[in-house]
Amino acid sequence: MHGNVEEWCQDWYGPYESHSQVDPIGCKKGLYRVTRGGSHSTLLTYLRSANRMGALPEDKHWYIGFRVVCGELPEFVTYSPVPKVAIWGQNVKQNTPAQPKVPATPYFAEPIPFVNIPDGSNGPLFSNHNHVPAIVECPNGDMFAAWYSCVTERGRELTVAASRLKFGDSEWQTAEPFWGPPDRNNHATCLWRNENGRIYHFNGLSAAATWGPLALVMRYSDDNGATWSKPRFISPEHQLRNMPIASVFRRKNGSILLACDAVSGGNGGTAIWISEDDGTTWSDPGEAQPIPAFAEGKSGGWIAGIHAAVVELTDGRLMAYGRGDTINDRMPKSVSEDGGKTWHYSASPFPPVSGGQRCVFLRLREGPILLASFTGSRKSQETMPIVDTSGKERRITGLFTALSYNDGDTWENIRLVTDDGPDREIETMDGRPFTMGLNSAEPGGYLAVCQGDDGMIHLISSKQHYRFNYAWLTEPPPSEVEN
């Protein structure tokens, strides 16, 4: 009964009741069917009779099979009660609030942590490692974030957490599980809201315990993230090119673009998925293209670098910045004139990002493209020059923003994501401290960004939630004398 392949069970996965039961049948409905027995390549922790795994009923891969059982079901079946609603789905208001006016003067709020998991948590969420976030503003004004929580990124325990910052509140709620077939690695998460208020959730789904060969699933919410539709496969085959990242948006031609890592390593590129029918069907325009040689002046079918930030230019072309596959010691820039079938490579003006870092693009309502990225590796204090109000250069390190008013040809208003105040310690990913001040900001994290209905820009790292307005982005950073 153990090993070989896991075996499908009739039960829907759900928590056991606290009292003793004999042959419990589980919940009456759910998202995941139970599988038991483990398979080849299963760690001993999970390869035991007491352990229940789970999978989407529509999923299929090389770890799951079945065993024929001949017998009758009990005449009287008692189902387990419906699991309690997660905190992020409780008492969610459905009215649209009166939006407060964003200050016309520069505004930058003190960062607040959105990862709120009690110390020492070791399941179902984990205080050990929380990373790769997504963020969206709900139509009711709430902010909703999701990310993965685990002990190790390759582990079967990796699951997706979520939390809500209710409209008008100053603290994010305690995180609770959001998505994840049990004992399946769920790399990674992306959230996006369309023009009608529907919120989409995209996620990779592993067969076991790695982020390499993934299936790609999608679901949506029409009630401000309180409940979610049944998940549907965009790409049911467990393969590369299916790990969602931070870039999803509506193109001018009406299609939806979703960026996904094309490989499982630190170099090798990013793919895009396109839907022409509002998410019903999807296609990968660069799938048939071979892995290109990323170099200045070359072209290929993949975006250079993993975890790529993608944005549409005013003439309909696509532009992306990625991690790895550096060109002339700069972050690689990829531009496509044919909707992502082929890309032309060159060096961006910015330093490359590395492990534990991801940049983002956002086309602001005010017109320019916003870039948020890092001055260099999070493991060393690499610096970059900026020009302050005195007209002089000074060196900064950490998370910065930049604006482009000409589709990425040049970048202006480069400044640190900080209030430019005195040096003080703030937490970054997994509770590690960093110094925030005039010349230093958060050194790493996977970034995600959205712009609220009120114009406020919400940028999250793997720990902190930053809020600022367009006027702050365009204000020159102060000089050391002014500070």
Protein backbone atom coordinates (compact mmCIF):
# COMPACT_ATOMS: atom_id res chain seq x y z
CA MET A 1 0.00 0.00 0.00
CA HIS A 2 2.99 2.29 0.30
CA GLY A 3 5.19 3.59 -2.48
CA ASN A 4 4.86 3.00 -6.22
CA VAL A 5 2.11 5.60 -6.82
CA GLU A 6 -0.30 7.41 -4.52
CA GLU A 7 -3.87 6.15 -4.62
CA TRP A 8 -6.96 8.27 -5.11
CA CYS A 9 -9.54 8.12 -2.31
CA GLN A 10 -13.21 9.05 -2.39
CA ASP A 11 -12.92 11.47 0.55
CA TRP A 12 -12.67 15.19 0.15
CA TYR A 13 -9.72 16.56 2.10
CA GLY A 14 -10.52 18.48 5.28
CA PRO A 15 -9.62 18.62 8.97
CA TYR A 16 -10.55 15.68 11.18
CA GLU A 17 -12.96 16.33 14.02
CA SER A 18 -11.51 16.52 17.52
CA HIS A 19 -13.39 13.46 18.85
CA SER A 20 -12.66 9.81 17.99
CA GLN A 21 -14.17 8.46 14.76
CA VAL A 22 -14.19 5.13 12.95
CA ASP A 23 -13.56 5.23 9.20
CA PRO A 24 -14.45 8.94 8.83
CA ILE A 25 -15.68 9.78 5.33
CA GLY A 26 -14.47 13.39 5.45
CA CYS A 27 -16.23 16.51 4.22
CA LYS A 28 -19.20 16.45 1.85
CA LYS A 29 -17.40 18.70 -0.60
CA GLY A 30 -14.09 20.46 -0.98
CA LEU A 31 -11.30 21.47 -3.33
CA TYR A 32 -9.01 18.45 -3.02
CA ARG A 33 -9.55 14.68 -3.02
CA VAL A 34 -7.48 12.66 -0.56
CA THR A 35 -4.63 10.51 -1.85
CA ARG A 36 -2.84 7.96 0.34
CA GLY A 37 0.12 5.63 0.32
CA GLY A 38 2.74 7.94 -1.12
CA SER A 39 4.71 7.18 -4.25
CA HIS A 40 8.21 6.75 -5.50
CA SER A 41 10.34 9.83 -4.66
CA THR A 42 8.29 10.44 -1.48
CA LEU A 43 10.13 11.30 1.74
CA LEU A 44 9.57 8.95 4.68
CA THR A 45 7.83 11.78 6.57
CA TYR A 46 4.93 11.48 4.15
CA LEU A 47 5.22 7.75 3.38
CA ARG A 48 3.13 6.41 6.25
CA SER A 49 -0.40 5.15 6.73
CA ALA A 50 -1.49 8.08 8.92
CA ASN A 51 -0.63 10.69 6.32
CA ARG A 52 -3.22 12.06 3.93
CA MET A 53 -2.10 13.87 0.82
CA GLY A 54 -4.49 15.60 -1.56
CA ALA A 55 -4.86 16.74 -5.14
CA LEU A 56 -7.28 18.52 -7.44
CA PRO A 57 -9.61 15.85 -8.86
CA GLU A 58 -8.74 16.98 -12.41
CA ASP A 59 -4.98 16.72 -11.82
CA LYS A 60 -2.93 13.91 -13.31
CA HIS A 61 0.77 13.15 -13.18
CA TRP A 62 3.31 10.39 -12.64
CA TYR A 63 2.89 10.19 -8.84
CA ILE A 64 -0.85 9.39 -8.68
CA GLY A 65 -2.68 6.15 -9.56
CA PHE A 66 -5.51 4.13 -8.06
CA ARG A 67 -6.43 0.79 -6.50
CA VAL A 68 -9.72 -0.89 -7.28
CA VAL A 69 -11.83 -1.60 -4.18
CA CYS A 70 -14.86 -3.89 -4.31
CA GLY A 71 -17.36 -3.21 -1.56
CA GLU A 72 -20.41 -1.26 -0.53
CA LEU A 73 -20.41 2.14 1.07
CA PRO A 74 -21.95 2.41 4.54
CA GLU A 75 -25.69 2.89 4.43
CA PHE A 76 -25.54 5.89 6.73
CA VAL A 77 -22.71 8.33 6.15
CA THR A 78 -21.85 11.15 8.54
CA TYR A 79 -19.82 13.84 6.89
CA SER A 80 -17.43 16.08 8.75
CA PRO A 81 -18.67 19.64 9.26
CA VAL A 82 -17.66 22.31 6.79
CA PRO A 83 -14.29 23.81 7.80
CA LYS A 84 -14.42 27.26 9.33
CA VAL A 85 -14.06 30.28 7.09
CA ALA A 86 -10.55 31.72 7.07
CA ILE A 87 -10.03 35.11 8.67
CA TRP A 88 -9.39 36.70 5.29
CA GLY A 89 -12.89 35.60 4.19
CA GLN A 90 -14.81 36.68 7.29
CA ASN A 91 -17.09 39.75 7.47
CA VAL A 92 -15.99 41.07 4.10
CA LYS A 93 -17.95 44.17 3.18
CA GLN A 94 -19.35 44.26 -0.35
CA ASN A 95 -20.05 47.97 -0.68
CA THR A 96 -17.68 50.32 -2.45
CA PRO A 97 -16.33 52.91 0.01
CA ALA A 98 -16.08 56.60 -0.56
CA GLN A 99 -12.46 56.94 -1.55
CA PRO A 100 -10.47 59.50 0.44
CA LYS A 101 -8.48 61.97 -1.55
CA VAL A 102 -4.82 61.13 -1.94
CA PRO A 103 -2.79 64.11 -0.74
CA ALA A 104 -1.65 66.40 -3.52
CA THR A 105 1.62 66.85 -1.66
CA PRO A 106 4.22 64.07 -1.46
CA TYR A 107 3.05 61.24 0.79
CA PHE A 108 5.02 58.25 2.10
CA ALA A 109 3.61 56.07 4.89
CA GLU A 110 5.61 54.17 7.46
CA PRO A 111 5.93 50.59 6.13
CA ILE A 112 3.82 47.96 7.86
CA PRO A 113 4.40 44.18 7.79
CA PHE A 114 1.77 42.20 5.90
CA VAL A 115 3.18 38.78 6.93
CA ASN A 116 1.50 38.24 10.28
CA ILE A 117 2.24 34.66 11.39
CA PRO A 118 2.94 33.91 15.08
CA ASP A 119 6.55 33.04 15.90
CA GLY A 120 7.19 29.32 16.19
CA SER A 121 4.38 28.35 13.78
CA ASN A 122 5.14 24.99 12.17
CA GLY A 123 1.98 24.24 10.22
CA PRO A 124 -0.33 24.76 8.53
CA LEU A 125 1.55 28.06 8.06
CA PHE A 126 5.20 28.51 8.94
CA SER A 127 7.03 31.38 10.58
CA ASN A 128 10.30 30.09 9.16
CA HIS A 129 10.11 31.33 5.55
CA ASN A 130 7.54 33.55 3.82
CA HIS A 131 8.27 34.76 0.32
CA VAL A 132 7.08 35.51 -3.27
CA PRO A 133 4.04 37.71 -2.59
CA ALA A 134 1.19 39.12 -4.66
CA ILE A 135 -1.08 42.06 -3.84
CA VAL A 136 -4.35 43.49 -5.14
CA GLU A 137 -6.83 46.13 -4.06
CA CYS A 138 -10.39 44.82 -3.73
CA PRO A 139 -13.34 46.88 -5.04
CA ASN A 140 -14.40 47.49 -1.42
CA GLY A 141 -11.09 49.21 -0.65
CA ASP A 142 -9.51 46.29 1.23
CA MET A 143 -5.99 45.22 0.34
CA PHE A 144 -5.50 41.48 -0.22
CA ALA A 145 -2.10 39.75 -0.26
CA ALA A 146 -1.03 36.15 -0.83
CA TRP A 147 2.37 34.47 -0.66
CA TYR A 148 3.94 31.12 0.05
CA SER A 149 4.84 29.88 3.52
CA CYS A 150 7.19 26.96 4.18
CA VAL A 151 10.18 25.49 5.98
CA THR A 152 12.13 24.97 2.77
CA GLU A 153 11.28 26.18 -0.72
CA ARG A 154 11.57 22.70 -2.20
CA GLY A 155 9.44 21.06 0.47
CA ARG A 156 6.05 19.39 0.15
CA GLU A 157 4.85 21.50 3.08
CA LEU A 158 5.04 24.72 1.05
CA THR A 159 1.57 26.26 0.94
CA VAL A 160 -0.01 29.62 0.10
CA ALA A 161 -1.07 32.04 2.84
CA ALA A 162 -3.25 35.12 2.59
CA SER A 163 -4.11 38.15 4.65
CA ARG A 164 -6.36 41.17 4.36
CA LEU A 165 -5.88 44.82 5.30
CA LYS A 166 -9.43 46.05 5.73
CA PHE A 167 -10.32 49.48 4.43
CA GLY A 168 -9.49 52.04 7.10
CA ASP A 169 -7.44 49.63 9.26
CA SER A 170 -3.77 50.17 10.08
CA GLU A 171 -2.72 46.52 10.58
CA TRP A 172 -2.97 43.43 8.40
CA GLN A 173 -5.00 40.55 9.79
CA THR A 174 -3.40 37.33 11.00
CA ALA A 175 -2.56 35.20 7.99
CA GLU A 176 -4.37 31.94 7.29
CA PRO A 177 -4.09 29.29 4.53
CA PHE A 178 -5.39 30.46 1.15
CA TRP A 179 -4.61 27.75 -1.35
CA GLY A 180 -2.68 24.52 -1.63
CA PRO A 181 -3.38 20.84 -2.23
CA PRO A 182 -1.85 19.20 0.87
CA ASP A 183 1.71 17.93 0.55
CA ARG A 184 2.14 19.58 -2.87
CA ASN A 185 4.61 22.38 -3.41
CA ASN A 186 2.67 25.42 -4.70
CA HIS A 187 5.03 27.77 -6.54
CA ALA A 188 3.96 30.57 -6.97
CA THR A 189 1.14 33.13 -6.68
CA CYS A 190 -0.14 36.07 -8.72
CA LEU A 191 -3.21 38.29 -8.13
CA TRP A 192 -4.90 40.70 -10.54
CA ARG A 193 -8.17 42.65 -10.60
CA ASN A 194 -9.95 43.45 -13.86
CA GLU A 195 -12.00 46.52 -14.73
CA ASN A 196 -15.26 44.95 -13.48
CA GLY A 197 -13.94 44.12 -10.03
CA ARG A 198 -13.24 40.42 -10.57
CA ILE A 199 -10.07 39.32 -8.78
CA TYR A 200 -8.01 36.57 -10.44
CA HIS A 201 -5.70 34.20 -8.61
CA PHE A 202 -3.03 32.35 -10.63
CA ASN A 203 -0.86 29.61 -9.10
CA GLY A 204 1.64 26.96 -10.06
CA LEU A 205 0.94 23.42 -8.86
CA SER A 206 3.69 20.88 -8.35
CA ALA A 207 3.32 17.13 -8.60
CA ALA A 208 5.37 16.81 -5.43
CA ALA A 209 8.16 18.88 -3.94
CA THR A 210 9.86 21.13 -6.44
CA TRP A 211 9.14 24.28 -8.39
CA GLY A 212 10.29 22.83 -11.75
CA PRO A 213 7.53 20.90 -13.58
CA LEU A 214 4.32 22.72 -12.63
CA ALA A 215 0.74 22.77 -13.79
CA LEU A 216 -0.85 26.24 -14.01
CA VAL A 217 -4.23 26.95 -12.40
CA MET A 218 -6.55 29.94 -12.21
CA ARG A 219 -9.58 30.87 -10.13
CA TYR A 220 -11.44 34.10 -9.40
CA SER A 221 -13.52 35.99 -6.84
CA ASP A 222 -16.48 38.25 -7.51
CA ASP A 223 -17.06 39.17 -3.86
CA ASN A 224 -13.89 41.04 -2.84
CA GLY A 225 -11.91 37.86 -2.16
CA ALA A 226 -14.35 36.41 0.38
CA THR A 227 -14.99 33.28 -1.72
CA TRP A 228 -13.28 31.83 -4.79
CA SER A 229 -14.38 29.85 -7.80
CA LYS A 230 -13.43 26.25 -8.42
CA PRO A 231 -9.84 26.19 -9.75
CA ARG A 232 -9.39 25.59 -13.46
CA PHE A 233 -6.27 24.51 -15.31
CA ILE A 234 -4.72 26.98 -17.73
CA SER A 235 -2.00 24.44 -18.48
CA PRO A 236 -2.70 20.96 -17.05
CA GLU A 237 0.62 19.39 -18.00
CA HIS A 238 3.28 19.48 -15.29
CA GLN A 239 6.09 21.20 -17.18
CA LEU A 240 8.30 24.27 -17.30
CA ARG A 241 6.98 27.76 -18.29
CA ASN A 242 4.17 27.50 -15.72
CA MET A 243 5.35 29.35 -12.59
CA PRO A 244 3.43 32.66 -12.23
CA ILE A 245 5.33 35.77 -11.19
CA ALA A 246 4.37 39.38 -10.51
CA SER A 247 3.34 40.63 -13.98
CA VAL A 248 -0.27 40.31 -15.09
CA PHE A 249 -2.22 43.07 -16.83
CA ARG A 250 -4.75 43.90 -19.53
CA ARG A 251 -3.19 44.90 -22.84
CA LYS A 252 -4.60 47.64 -25.07
CA ASN A 253 -5.96 45.03 -27.49
CA GLY A 254 -8.05 43.55 -24.68
CA SER A 255 -5.98 40.44 -24.04
CA ILE A 256 -4.67 39.46 -20.60
CA LEU A 257 -0.92 38.88 -20.23
CA LEU A 258 0.46 36.62 -17.47
CA ALA A 259 4.22 36.18 -17.06
CA CYS A 260 5.65 32.85 -15.83
CA ASP A 261 9.16 31.58 -15.25
CA ALA A 262 10.24 29.45 -18.20
CA VAL A 263 12.90 27.50 -16.29
CA SER A 264 13.57 26.34 -12.73
CA GLY A 265 17.08 27.74 -12.32
CA GLY A 266 18.58 31.18 -11.79
CA ASN A 267 19.09 31.88 -15.49
CA GLY A 268 17.21 30.95 -18.62
CA GLY A 269 14.31 33.27 -19.11
CA THR A 270 10.63 34.03 -18.68
CA ALA A 271 7.57 33.04 -20.73
CA ILE A 272 4.22 34.77 -21.14
CA TRP A 273 0.71 33.37 -21.38
CA ILE A 274 -1.95 35.30 -23.33
CA SER A 275 -5.74 35.08 -23.08
CA GLU A 276 -7.81 36.70 -25.84
CA ASP A 277 -11.17 35.76 -24.25
CA ASP A 278 -10.96 37.14 -20.71
CA GLY A 279 -9.32 34.08 -19.19
CA THR A 280 -11.31 31.28 -20.82
CA THR A 281 -8.46 29.99 -22.98
CA TRP A 282 -4.73 30.69 -22.89
CA SER A 283 -1.75 30.31 -25.22
CA ASP A 284 2.02 30.58 -24.88
CA PRO A 285 3.32 32.53 -27.92
CA GLY A 286 6.98 31.63 -27.37
CA GLU A 287 6.56 27.96 -26.44
CA ALA A 288 7.87 26.58 -29.74
CA GLN A 289 10.99 28.73 -29.68
CA PRO A 290 14.33 27.18 -28.60
CA ILE A 291 16.23 28.59 -25.60
CA PRO A 292 18.04 31.64 -26.99
CA ALA A 293 21.54 32.90 -26.31
CA PHE A 294 20.84 36.10 -24.40
CA ALA A 295 23.25 38.77 -25.63
CA GLU A 296 23.29 42.41 -26.72
CA GLY A 297 21.72 42.78 -30.16
CA LYS A 298 20.44 39.18 -30.29
CA SER A 299 16.84 37.98 -30.57
CA GLY A 300 14.98 34.92 -29.32
CA GLY A 301 11.62 33.56 -28.23
CA TRP A 302 12.06 33.99 -24.46
CA ILE A 303 12.42 36.99 -22.15
CA ALA A 304 15.97 37.31 -20.80
CA GLY A 305 16.10 36.51 -17.09
CA ILE A 306 13.72 34.77 -14.71
CA HIS A 307 11.07 36.55 -12.56
CA ALA A 308 10.71 39.17 -15.30
CA ALA A 309 8.71 42.37 -14.86
CA VAL A 310 6.69 43.04 -18.03
CA VAL A 311 4.91 46.18 -19.20
CA GLU A 312 3.19 47.29 -22.41
CA LEU A 313 4.61 50.32 -24.19
CA THR A 314 2.45 53.04 -25.73
CA ASP A 315 2.84 51.60 -29.25
CA GLY A 316 1.82 48.09 -28.18
CA ARG A 317 5.30 46.62 -27.86
CA LEU A 318 6.21 44.70 -24.71
CA MET A 319 9.21 45.45 -22.51
CA ALA A 320 10.65 43.26 -19.74
CA TYR A 321 13.47 43.36 -17.19
CA GLY A 322 14.60 40.02 -15.72
CA ARG A 323 16.90 38.47 -13.12
CA GLY A 324 19.99 36.65 -14.34
CA ASP A 325 21.21 36.41 -17.96
CA THR A 326 22.95 39.74 -17.35
CA ILE A 327 24.15 41.79 -20.32
CA ASN A 328 27.26 43.96 -19.91
CA ASP A 329 26.90 43.56 -16.13
CA ARG A 330 23.45 45.16 -16.30
CA MET A 331 19.94 43.83 -15.78
CA PRO A 332 18.79 42.49 -19.17
CA LYS A 333 16.12 44.31 -21.15
CA SER A 334 13.87 42.43 -23.59
CA VAL A 335 11.51 44.08 -26.10
CA SER A 336 8.93 42.30 -28.29
CA GLU A 337 7.21 43.78 -31.34
CA ASP A 338 5.08 40.69 -32.09
CA GLY A 339 3.17 40.03 -28.89
CA GLY A 340 5.83 37.91 -27.23
CA LYS A 341 6.73 35.49 -30.06
CA THR A 342 10.24 36.95 -30.29
CA TRP A 343 12.27 39.32 -28.10
CA HIS A 344 15.24 41.60 -28.78
CA TYR A 345 17.87 41.85 -26.03
CA SER A 346 19.93 44.75 -24.72
CA ALA A 347 21.38 46.02 -21.45
CA SER A 348 19.19 48.12 -19.16
CA PRO A 349 20.77 51.05 -17.29
CA PHE A 350 20.26 49.35 -13.90
CA PRO A 351 22.31 46.90 -11.83
CA PRO A 352 21.25 43.25 -11.93
CA VAL A 353 19.13 41.75 -9.18
CA SER A 354 20.10 38.44 -7.62
CA GLY A 355 18.93 35.77 -5.15
CA GLY A 356 16.00 36.83 -2.96
CA GLN A 357 15.18 39.80 -5.22
CA ARG A 358 12.57 40.52 -7.91
CA CYS A 359 11.84 43.83 -9.65
CA VAL A 360 8.43 45.09 -10.82
CA PHE A 361 6.97 47.38 -13.51
CA LEU A 362 3.66 49.24 -13.32
CA ARG A 363 2.10 51.60 -15.84
CA LEU A 364 0.73 54.33 -13.57
CA ARG A 365 -2.59 56.07 -14.19
CA GLU A 366 -0.62 59.30 -14.38
CA GLY A 367 1.14 57.96 -17.51
CA PRO A 368 4.76 57.02 -16.77
CA ILE A 369 6.13 53.54 -16.14
CA LEU A 370 7.17 52.84 -12.55
CA LEU A 371 10.15 50.55 -11.91
CA ALA A 372 10.98 49.29 -8.43
CA SER A 373 14.23 47.36 -8.01
CA PHE A 374 17.43 47.07 -5.95
CA THR A 375 20.89 48.61 -6.18
CA GLY A 376 22.61 45.21 -6.02
CA SER A 377 22.84 41.96 -4.13
CA ARG A 378 21.03 41.77 -0.79
CA LYS A 379 24.10 40.06 0.69
CA SER A 380 26.38 43.09 0.22
CA GLN A 381 25.92 46.84 0.50
CA GLU A 382 26.24 47.67 -3.18
CA THR A 383 25.51 51.31 -3.94
CA MET A 384 24.18 53.41 -6.81
CA PRO A 385 24.35 57.19 -7.38
CA ILE A 386 21.28 59.44 -7.30
CA VAL A 387 20.93 63.19 -7.69
CA ASP A 388 19.34 65.01 -4.73
CA THR A 389 17.79 68.48 -4.39
CA SER A 390 21.22 70.10 -4.17
CA GLY A 391 22.02 68.83 -7.67
CA LYS A 392 24.82 66.68 -6.31
CA GLU A 393 25.23 62.94 -6.44
CA ARG A 394 25.14 60.77 -3.36
CA ARG A 395 25.38 56.98 -3.06
CA ILE A 396 22.39 54.93 -1.94
CA THR A 397 21.81 51.23 -1.31
CA GLY A 398 18.70 49.05 -1.35
CA LEU A 399 15.17 49.32 -2.77
CA PHE A 400 14.61 52.22 -5.17
CA THR A 401 12.00 53.52 -7.62
CA ALA A 402 12.39 55.18 -11.01
CA LEU A 403 9.98 56.68 -13.56
CA SER A 404 10.12 56.64 -17.36
CA TYR A 405 8.08 59.06 -19.44
CA ASN A 406 9.36 57.73 -22.79
CA ASP A 407 8.70 53.99 -22.66
CA GLY A 408 11.92 53.03 -20.93
CA ASP A 409 14.38 54.93 -23.12
CA THR A 410 15.42 57.02 -20.11
CA TRP A 411 14.60 56.97 -16.40
CA GLU A 412 14.05 59.90 -14.04
CA ASN A 413 13.17 60.63 -10.40
CA ILE A 414 15.30 57.81 -9.03
CA ARG A 415 14.93 57.64 -5.26
CA LEU A 416 15.10 55.23 -2.33
CA VAL A 417 11.92 53.70 -0.92
CA THR A 418 12.32 55.36 2.47
CA ASP A 419 11.01 58.38 4.36
CA ASP A 420 14.55 59.84 4.31
CA GLY A 421 14.50 59.99 8.10
CA PRO A 422 17.11 58.95 10.67
CA ASP A 423 18.59 55.46 10.46
CA ARG A 424 16.49 52.80 12.20
CA GLU A 425 16.08 49.03 12.06
CA ILE A 426 13.11 47.43 10.27
CA GLU A 427 12.50 43.78 9.44
CA THR A 428 12.98 42.30 6.00
CA MET A 429 12.27 38.75 4.82
CA ASP A 430 12.15 36.10 7.58
CA GLY A 431 12.61 38.71 10.29
CA ARG A 432 16.13 39.81 9.40
CA PRO A 433 16.81 43.47 10.24
CA PHE A 434 17.89 46.18 7.81
CA THR A 435 18.69 49.86 8.22
CA MET A 436 16.19 52.32 6.75
CA GLY A 437 17.30 55.91 6.49
CA LEU A 438 18.49 58.65 4.16
CA ASN A 439 20.93 56.47 2.22
CA SER A 440 19.72 52.91 2.78
CA ALA A 441 16.50 50.94 2.23
CA GLU A 442 15.35 47.33 2.22
CA PRO A 443 18.07 45.19 0.60
CA GLY A 444 15.94 42.38 -0.84
CA GLY A 445 12.61 40.71 -1.29
CA TYR A 446 10.33 39.68 -4.13
CA LEU A 447 8.36 42.79 -5.06
CA ALA A 448 4.71 43.07 -6.09
CA VAL A 449 2.83 46.28 -6.83
CA CYS A 450 -0.60 47.70 -7.62
CA GLN A 451 -2.22 51.14 -7.76
CA GLY A 452 -5.42 51.70 -5.81
CA ASP A 453 -8.61 53.34 -7.03
CA ASP A 454 -7.60 56.43 -5.07
CA GLY A 455 -4.23 56.58 -6.86
CA MET A 456 -2.19 55.31 -3.91
CA ILE A 457 0.64 52.99 -4.92
CA HIS A 458 1.02 49.80 -2.88
CA LEU A 459 4.43 48.12 -3.10
CA ILE A 460 5.20 45.01 -1.05
CA SER A 461 8.45 43.16 -0.52
CA SER A 462 8.57 39.71 1.08
CA LYS A 463 7.73 41.33 4.44
CA GLN A 464 6.82 45.03 4.28
CA HIS A 465 3.94 46.99 2.74
CA TYR A 466 4.94 50.44 1.40
CA ARG A 467 2.39 53.13 0.47
CA PHE A 468 3.18 56.33 -1.40
CA ASN A 469 1.67 58.62 -4.02
CA TYR A 470 2.75 59.91 -7.40
CA ALA A 471 3.77 63.28 -5.95
CA TRP A 472 6.25 61.49 -3.67
CA LEU A 473 7.72 59.61 -6.64
CA THR A 474 8.37 62.85 -8.50
CA GLU A 475 9.79 64.78 -5.53
CA PRO A 476 13.61 64.93 -5.64
CA PRO A 477 15.24 63.17 -2.70
CA PRO A 478 16.60 65.57 -0.07
CA SER A 479 20.28 66.35 0.33
CA GLU A 480 22.22 65.27 3.38
CA VAL A 481 22.38 68.93 4.47
CA GLU A 482 18.57 69.26 4.35
CA ASN A 483 18.18 66.09 6.35
